[in-house]
Amino acid sequence: ERVFARQLFATCDLREMFAWIQAATSPSD
């Protein structure tokens, strides 16, 4: 189940989104 969950949202664009959110936004946003 963990492997499946990690693959579900592991597309390149969603990984890029994750990285952008962490780099460009604040935890309070």
PDB file of all heavy atoms in Angstrom:
ATOM      1  N   GLU A   1       0.830  -1.207   0.000  1.00  0.00           N
ATOM      2  CA  GLU A   1       0.000   0.000   0.000  1.00  0.00           C
ATOM      3  C   GLU A   1       0.863   1.255   0.000  1.00  0.00           C
ATOM      4  O   GLU A   1       0.527   2.250  -0.628  1.00  0.00           O
ATOM      5  CB  GLU A   1      -0.955   0.005   1.200  1.00  0.00           C
ATOM      6  CG  GLU A   1      -1.974  -1.108   1.185  1.00  0.00           C
ATOM      7  CD  GLU A   1      -2.921  -1.038  -0.002  1.00  0.00           C
ATOM      8  OE1 GLU A   1      -3.208   0.067  -0.493  1.00  0.00           O
ATOM      9  OE2 GLU A   1      -3.391  -2.094  -0.435  1.00  0.00           O
ATOM     10  N   ARG A   2       1.970   1.213   0.689  1.00  0.00           N
ATOM     11  CA  ARG A   2       2.876   2.364   0.725  1.00  0.00           C
ATOM     12  C   ARG A   2       3.495   2.613  -0.650  1.00  0.00           C
ATOM     13  O   ARG A   2       3.578   3.745  -1.101  1.00  0.00           O
ATOM     14  CB  ARG A   2       3.956   2.135   1.763  1.00  0.00           C
ATOM     15  CG  ARG A   2       4.894   3.295   1.904  1.00  0.00           C
ATOM     16  CD  ARG A   2       5.786   3.125   3.115  1.00  0.00           C
ATOM     17  NE  ARG A   2       6.578   4.314   3.281  1.00  0.00           N
ATOM     18  CZ  ARG A   2       7.893   4.319   3.267  1.00  0.00           C
ATOM     19  NH1 ARG A   2       8.564   3.209   3.129  1.00  0.00           N
ATOM     20  NH2 ARG A   2       8.545   5.450   3.419  1.00  0.00           N
ATOM     21  N   VAL A   3       3.903   1.545  -1.310  1.00  0.00           N
ATOM     22  CA  VAL A   3       4.455   1.671  -2.657  1.00  0.00           C
ATOM     23  C   VAL A   3       3.403   2.258  -3.603  1.00  0.00           C
ATOM     24  O   VAL A   3       3.684   3.171  -4.384  1.00  0.00           O
ATOM     25  CB  VAL A   3       4.965   0.306  -3.177  1.00  0.00           C
ATOM     26  CG1 VAL A   3       5.287   0.368  -4.661  1.00  0.00           C
ATOM     27  CG2 VAL A   3       6.180  -0.127  -2.378  1.00  0.00           C
ATOM     28  N   PHE A   4       2.179   1.748  -3.539  1.00  0.00           N
ATOM     29  CA  PHE A   4       1.108   2.249  -4.384  1.00  0.00           C
ATOM     30  C   PHE A   4       0.846   3.732  -4.119  1.00  0.00           C
ATOM     31  O   PHE A   4       0.713   4.536  -5.044  1.00  0.00           O
ATOM     32  CB  PHE A   4      -0.173   1.440  -4.154  1.00  0.00           C
ATOM     33  CG  PHE A   4      -1.355   1.987  -4.894  1.00  0.00           C
ATOM     34  CD1 PHE A   4      -1.437   1.868  -6.277  1.00  0.00           C
ATOM     35  CD2 PHE A   4      -2.369   2.625  -4.216  1.00  0.00           C
ATOM     36  CE1 PHE A   4      -2.517   2.386  -6.965  1.00  0.00           C
ATOM     37  CE2 PHE A   4      -3.455   3.150  -4.890  1.00  0.00           C
ATOM     38  CZ  PHE A   4      -3.534   3.027  -6.274  1.00  0.00           C
ATOM     39  N   ALA A   5       0.790   4.120  -2.873  1.00  0.00           N
ATOM     40  CA  ALA A   5       0.525   5.514  -2.517  1.00  0.00           C
ATOM     41  C   ALA A   5       1.634   6.428  -3.013  1.00  0.00           C
ATOM     42  O   ALA A   5       1.367   7.534  -3.491  1.00  0.00           O
ATOM     43  CB  ALA A   5       0.364   5.651  -1.003  1.00  0.00           C
ATOM     44  N   ARG A   6       2.872   5.987  -2.937  1.00  0.00           N
ATOM     45  CA  ARG A   6       3.990   6.805  -3.404  1.00  0.00           C
ATOM     46  C   ARG A   6       3.962   6.978  -4.916  1.00  0.00           C
ATOM     47  O   ARG A   6       4.371   8.004  -5.435  1.00  0.00           O
ATOM     48  CB  ARG A   6       5.312   6.190  -2.961  1.00  0.00           C
ATOM     49  CG  ARG A   6       5.512   6.280  -1.452  1.00  0.00           C
ATOM     50  CD  ARG A   6       6.781   5.675  -1.038  1.00  0.00           C
ATOM     51  NE  ARG A   6       7.859   6.605  -1.353  1.00  0.00           N
ATOM     52  CZ  ARG A   6       9.128   6.314  -1.214  1.00  0.00           C
ATOM     53  NH1 ARG A   6       9.497   5.136  -0.803  1.00  0.00           N
ATOM     54  NH2 ARG A   6      10.040   7.206  -1.497  1.00  0.00           N
ATOM     55  N   GLN A   7       3.474   5.975  -5.639  1.00  0.00           N
ATOM     56  CA  GLN A   7       3.420   6.055  -7.097  1.00  0.00           C
ATOM     57  C   GLN A   7       2.231   6.864  -7.589  1.00  0.00           C
ATOM     58  O   GLN A   7       2.286   7.459  -8.658  1.00  0.00           O
ATOM     59  CB  GLN A   7       3.366   4.654  -7.697  1.00  0.00           C
ATOM     60  CG  GLN A   7       4.649   3.886  -7.524  1.00  0.00           C
ATOM     61  CD  GLN A   7       4.522   2.444  -7.956  1.00  0.00           C
ATOM     62  OE1 GLN A   7       3.430   1.943  -8.182  1.00  0.00           O
ATOM     63  NE2 GLN A   7       5.652   1.766  -8.062  1.00  0.00           N
ATOM     64  N   LEU A   8       1.166   6.894  -6.825  1.00  0.00           N
ATOM     65  CA  LEU A   8      -0.065   7.554  -7.244  1.00  0.00           C
ATOM     66  C   LEU A   8       0.161   9.021  -7.592  1.00  0.00           C
ATOM     67  O   LEU A   8      -0.350   9.516  -8.580  1.00  0.00           O
ATOM     68  CB  LEU A   8      -1.120   7.424  -6.139  1.00  0.00           C
ATOM     69  CG  LEU A   8      -2.503   7.952  -6.446  1.00  0.00           C
ATOM     70  CD1 LEU A   8      -3.099   7.210  -7.639  1.00  0.00           C
ATOM     71  CD2 LEU A   8      -3.401   7.786  -5.243  1.00  0.00           C
ATOM     72  N   PHE A   9       0.915   9.736  -6.801  1.00  0.00           N
ATOM     73  CA  PHE A   9       1.174  11.148  -7.046  1.00  0.00           C
ATOM     74  C   PHE A   9       2.666  11.393  -7.322  1.00  0.00           C
ATOM     75  O   PHE A   9       3.212  12.406  -6.924  1.00  0.00           O
ATOM     76  CB  PHE A   9       0.692  11.984  -5.868  1.00  0.00           C
ATOM     77  CG  PHE A   9      -0.797  12.089  -5.819  1.00  0.00           C
ATOM     78  CD1 PHE A   9      -1.543  11.188  -5.085  1.00  0.00           C
ATOM     79  CD2 PHE A   9      -1.458  13.051  -6.544  1.00  0.00           C
ATOM     80  CE1 PHE A   9      -2.916  11.267  -5.059  1.00  0.00           C
ATOM     81  CE2 PHE A   9      -2.829  13.140  -6.531  1.00  0.00           C
ATOM     82  CZ  PHE A   9      -3.566  12.242  -5.791  1.00  0.00           C
ATOM     83  N   ALA A  10       3.287  10.480  -8.040  1.00  0.00           N
ATOM     84  CA  ALA A  10       4.720  10.589  -8.296  1.00  0.00           C
ATOM     85  C   ALA A  10       5.035  10.976  -9.732  1.00  0.00           C
ATOM     86  O   ALA A  10       6.132  10.749 -10.199  1.00  0.00           O
ATOM     87  CB  ALA A  10       5.414   9.276  -7.938  1.00  0.00           C
ATOM     88  N   THR A  11       4.086  11.577 -10.436  1.00  0.00           N
ATOM     89  CA  THR A  11       4.387  12.009 -11.788  1.00  0.00           C
ATOM     90  C   THR A  11       5.386  13.155 -11.738  1.00  0.00           C
ATOM     91  O   THR A  11       5.512  13.853 -10.722  1.00  0.00           O
ATOM     92  CB  THR A  11       3.114  12.461 -12.527  1.00  0.00           C
ATOM     93  OG1 THR A  11       2.568  13.581 -11.848  1.00  0.00           O
ATOM     94  CG2 THR A  11       2.090  11.340 -12.612  1.00  0.00           C
ATOM     95  N   CYS A  12       6.072  13.352 -12.823  1.00  0.00           N
ATOM     96  CA  CYS A  12       7.111  14.382 -12.880  1.00  0.00           C
ATOM     97  C   CYS A  12       6.564  15.760 -12.533  1.00  0.00           C
ATOM     98  O   CYS A  12       7.167  16.500 -11.758  1.00  0.00           O
ATOM     99  CB  CYS A  12       7.745  14.377 -14.266  1.00  0.00           C
ATOM    100  SG  CYS A  12       9.122  15.515 -14.419  1.00  0.00           S
ATOM    101  N   ASP A  13       5.393  16.110 -13.094  1.00  0.00           N
ATOM    102  CA  ASP A  13       4.848  17.440 -12.825  1.00  0.00           C
ATOM    103  C   ASP A  13       4.449  17.614 -11.358  1.00  0.00           C
ATOM    104  O   ASP A  13       4.633  18.690 -10.786  1.00  0.00           O
ATOM    105  CB  ASP A  13       3.681  17.775 -13.754  1.00  0.00           C
ATOM    106  CG  ASP A  13       2.635  16.682 -13.844  1.00  0.00           C
ATOM    107  OD1 ASP A  13       2.954  15.527 -13.552  1.00  0.00           O
ATOM    108  OD2 ASP A  13       1.498  16.992 -14.224  1.00  0.00           O
ATOM    109  N   LEU A  14       3.957  16.571 -10.718  1.00  0.00           N
ATOM    110  CA  LEU A  14       3.598  16.689  -9.297  1.00  0.00           C
ATOM    111  C   LEU A  14       4.833  16.725  -8.406  1.00  0.00           C
ATOM    112  O   LEU A  14       4.842  17.409  -7.379  1.00  0.00           O
ATOM    113  CB  LEU A  14       2.645  15.574  -8.887  1.00  0.00           C
ATOM    114  CG  LEU A  14       1.244  15.682  -9.509  1.00  0.00           C
ATOM    115  CD1 LEU A  14       0.394  14.499  -9.077  1.00  0.00           C
ATOM    116  CD2 LEU A  14       0.575  16.992  -9.163  1.00  0.00           C
ATOM    117  N   ARG A  15       5.891  16.031  -8.798  1.00  0.00           N
ATOM    118  CA  ARG A  15       7.151  16.142  -8.048  1.00  0.00           C
ATOM    119  C   ARG A  15       7.710  17.554  -8.173  1.00  0.00           C
ATOM    120  O   ARG A  15       8.217  18.124  -7.209  1.00  0.00           O
ATOM    121  CB  ARG A  15       8.162  15.106  -8.529  1.00  0.00           C
ATOM    122  CG  ARG A  15       7.856  13.702  -8.055  1.00  0.00           C
ATOM    123  CD  ARG A  15       9.025  12.751  -8.264  1.00  0.00           C
ATOM    124  NE  ARG A  15       9.576  12.761  -9.608  1.00  0.00           N
ATOM    125  CZ  ARG A  15       9.194  11.948 -10.598  1.00  0.00           C
ATOM    126  NH1 ARG A  15       8.265  11.043 -10.376  1.00  0.00           N
ATOM    127  NH2 ARG A  15       9.757  12.015 -11.781  1.00  0.00           N
ATOM    128  N   GLU A  16       7.605  18.126  -9.374  1.00  0.00           N
ATOM    129  CA  GLU A  16       8.054  19.507  -9.570  1.00  0.00           C
ATOM    130  C   GLU A  16       7.206  20.471  -8.752  1.00  0.00           C
ATOM    131  O   GLU A  16       7.720  21.432  -8.175  1.00  0.00           O
ATOM    132  CB  GLU A  16       7.994  19.882 -11.049  1.00  0.00           C
ATOM    133  CG  GLU A  16       9.031  19.195 -11.892  1.00  0.00           C
ATOM    134  CD  GLU A  16       8.853  19.494 -13.377  1.00  0.00           C
ATOM    135  OE1 GLU A  16       8.190  20.496 -13.721  1.00  0.00           O
ATOM    136  OE2 GLU A  16       9.377  18.725 -14.189  1.00  0.00           O
ATOM    137  N   MET A  17       5.891  20.228  -8.710  1.00  0.00           N
ATOM    138  CA  MET A  17       5.006  21.076  -7.915  1.00  0.00           C
ATOM    139  C   MET A  17       5.403  21.016  -6.439  1.00  0.00           C
ATOM    140  O   MET A  17       5.510  22.046  -5.771  1.00  0.00           O
ATOM    141  CB  MET A  17       3.544  20.640  -8.063  1.00  0.00           C
ATOM    142  CG  MET A  17       2.580  21.490  -7.250  1.00  0.00           C
ATOM    143  SD  MET A  17       0.893  20.847  -7.145  1.00  0.00           S
ATOM    144  CE  MET A  17       0.372  20.914  -8.839  1.00  0.00           C
ATOM    145  N   PHE A  18       5.628  19.820  -5.930  1.00  0.00           N
ATOM    146  CA  PHE A  18       6.040  19.631  -4.543  1.00  0.00           C
ATOM    147  C   PHE A  18       7.308  20.434  -4.254  1.00  0.00           C
ATOM    148  O   PHE A  18       7.377  21.164  -3.260  1.00  0.00           O
ATOM    149  CB  PHE A  18       6.266  18.137  -4.290  1.00  0.00           C
ATOM    150  CG  PHE A  18       6.772  17.816  -2.917  1.00  0.00           C
ATOM    151  CD1 PHE A  18       5.889  17.601  -1.869  1.00  0.00           C
ATOM    152  CD2 PHE A  18       8.129  17.705  -2.671  1.00  0.00           C
ATOM    153  CE1 PHE A  18       6.362  17.285  -0.600  1.00  0.00           C
ATOM    154  CE2 PHE A  18       8.606  17.397  -1.408  1.00  0.00           C
ATOM    155  CZ  PHE A  18       7.719  17.190  -0.371  1.00  0.00           C
ATOM    156  N   ALA A  19       8.297  20.315  -5.136  1.00  0.00           N
ATOM    157  CA  ALA A  19       9.567  21.026  -4.943  1.00  0.00           C
ATOM    158  C   ALA A  19       9.362  22.541  -4.992  1.00  0.00           C
ATOM    159  O   ALA A  19       9.937  23.279  -4.180  1.00  0.00           O
ATOM    160  CB  ALA A  19      10.578  20.588  -6.004  1.00  0.00           C
ATOM    161  N   TRP A  20       8.539  23.009  -5.935  1.00  0.00           N
ATOM    162  CA  TRP A  20       8.287  24.448  -6.037  1.00  0.00           C
ATOM    163  C   TRP A  20       7.592  24.959  -4.776  1.00  0.00           C
ATOM    164  O   TRP A  20       7.951  26.011  -4.252  1.00  0.00           O
ATOM    165  CB  TRP A  20       7.439  24.771  -7.274  1.00  0.00           C
ATOM    166  CG  TRP A  20       7.249  26.248  -7.428  1.00  0.00           C
ATOM    167  CD1 TRP A  20       8.069  27.118  -8.069  1.00  0.00           C
ATOM    168  CD2 TRP A  20       6.186  27.037  -6.880  1.00  0.00           C
ATOM    169  NE1 TRP A  20       7.576  28.403  -7.957  1.00  0.00           N
ATOM    170  CE2 TRP A  20       6.424  28.379  -7.229  1.00  0.00           C
ATOM    171  CE3 TRP A  20       5.052  26.736  -6.123  1.00  0.00           C
ATOM    172  CZ2 TRP A  20       5.572  29.419  -6.860  1.00  0.00           C
ATOM    173  CZ3 TRP A  20       4.194  27.764  -5.744  1.00  0.00           C
ATOM    174  CH2 TRP A  20       4.463  29.093  -6.114  1.00  0.00           C
ATOM    175  N   ILE A  21       6.600  24.229  -4.309  1.00  0.00           N
ATOM    176  CA  ILE A  21       5.868  24.648  -3.111  1.00  0.00           C
ATOM    177  C   ILE A  21       6.823  24.782  -1.931  1.00  0.00           C
ATOM    178  O   ILE A  21       6.784  25.771  -1.201  1.00  0.00           O
ATOM    179  CB  ILE A  21       4.718  23.665  -2.798  1.00  0.00           C
ATOM    180  CG1 ILE A  21       3.597  23.831  -3.832  1.00  0.00           C
ATOM    181  CG2 ILE A  21       4.185  23.868  -1.382  1.00  0.00           C
ATOM    182  CD1 ILE A  21       2.526  22.758  -3.756  1.00  0.00           C
ATOM    183  N   GLN A  22       7.702  23.817  -1.760  1.00  0.00           N
ATOM    184  CA  GLN A  22       8.635  23.890  -0.638  1.00  0.00           C
ATOM    185  C   GLN A  22       9.640  25.026  -0.797  1.00  0.00           C
ATOM    186  O   GLN A  22      10.005  25.672   0.181  1.00  0.00           O
ATOM    187  CB  GLN A  22       9.373  22.567  -0.476  1.00  0.00           C
ATOM    188  CG  GLN A  22       8.515  21.500   0.155  1.00  0.00           C
ATOM    189  CD  GLN A  22       9.348  20.360   0.679  1.00  0.00           C
ATOM    190  OE1 GLN A  22      10.234  19.856  -0.010  1.00  0.00           O
ATOM    191  NE2 GLN A  22       9.056  19.952   1.895  1.00  0.00           N
ATOM    192  N   ALA A  23      10.076  25.278  -2.025  1.00  0.00           N
ATOM    193  CA  ALA A  23      11.102  26.300  -2.255  1.00  0.00           C
ATOM    194  C   ALA A  23      10.542  27.723  -2.289  1.00  0.00           C
ATOM    195  O   ALA A  23      11.215  28.661  -1.866  1.00  0.00           O
ATOM    196  CB  ALA A  23      11.827  26.015  -3.569  1.00  0.00           C
ATOM    197  N   ALA A  24       9.317  27.903  -2.779  1.00  0.00           N
ATOM    198  CA  ALA A  24       8.821  29.250  -3.067  1.00  0.00           C
ATOM    199  C   ALA A  24       7.715  29.741  -2.139  1.00  0.00           C
ATOM    200  O   ALA A  24       7.292  30.887  -2.263  1.00  0.00           O
ATOM    201  CB  ALA A  24       8.339  29.312  -4.515  1.00  0.00           C
ATOM    202  N   THR A  25       7.252  28.892  -1.246  1.00  0.00           N
ATOM    203  CA  THR A  25       6.155  29.313  -0.372  1.00  0.00           C
ATOM    204  C   THR A  25       6.539  29.119   1.089  1.00  0.00           C
ATOM    205  O   THR A  25       7.509  28.444   1.407  1.00  0.00           O
ATOM    206  CB  THR A  25       4.861  28.529  -0.678  1.00  0.00           C
ATOM    207  OG1 THR A  25       5.030  27.160  -0.311  1.00  0.00           O
ATOM    208  CG2 THR A  25       4.482  28.642  -2.153  1.00  0.00           C
ATOM    209  N   SER A  26       5.741  29.694   1.946  1.00  0.00           N
ATOM    210  CA  SER A  26       5.998  29.642   3.382  1.00  0.00           C
ATOM    211  C   SER A  26       5.094  28.594   4.047  1.00  0.00           C
ATOM    212  O   SER A  26       3.966  28.380   3.599  1.00  0.00           O
ATOM    213  CB  SER A  26       5.700  31.017   3.972  1.00  0.00           C
ATOM    214  OG  SER A  26       5.599  30.956   5.363  1.00  0.00           O
ATOM    215  N   PRO A  27       5.552  27.960   5.124  1.00  0.00           N
ATOM    216  CA  PRO A  27       4.697  27.003   5.835  1.00  0.00           C
ATOM    217  C   PRO A  27       3.384  27.605   6.338  1.00  0.00           C
ATOM    218  O   PRO A  27       2.426  26.880   6.574  1.00  0.00           O
ATOM    219  CB  PRO A  27       5.565  26.549   7.007  1.00  0.00           C
ATOM    220  CG  PRO A  27       6.963  26.734   6.528  1.00  0.00           C
ATOM    221  CD  PRO A  27       6.918  27.976   5.665  1.00  0.00           C
ATOM    222  N   SER A  28       3.307  28.903   6.456  1.00  0.00           N
ATOM    223  CA  SER A  28       2.067  29.527   6.907  1.00  0.00           C
ATOM    224  C   SER A  28       1.084  29.801   5.760  1.00  0.00           C
ATOM    225  O   SER A  28      -0.061  30.170   6.009  1.00  0.00           O
ATOM    226  CB  SER A  28       2.362  30.833   7.639  1.00  0.00           C
ATOM    227  OG  SER A  28       2.982  31.751   6.760  1.00  0.00           O
ATOM    228  N   ASP A  29       1.512  29.612   4.514  1.00  0.00           N
ATOM    229  CA  ASP A  29       0.636  29.854   3.366  1.00  0.00           C
ATOM    230  C   ASP A  29      -0.469  28.808   3.295  1.00  0.00           C
ATOM    231  O   ASP A  29      -0.245  27.631   3.563  1.00  0.00           O
ATOM    232  CB  ASP A  29       1.431  29.832   2.059  1.00  0.00           C
ATOM    233  CG  ASP A  29       2.323  31.052   1.893  1.00  0.00           C
ATOM    234  OD1 ASP A  29       1.985  32.104   2.472  1.00  0.00           O
ATOM    235  OD2 ASP A  29       3.341  30.950   1.199  1.00  0.00           O
TER     236      ASP A  29
END
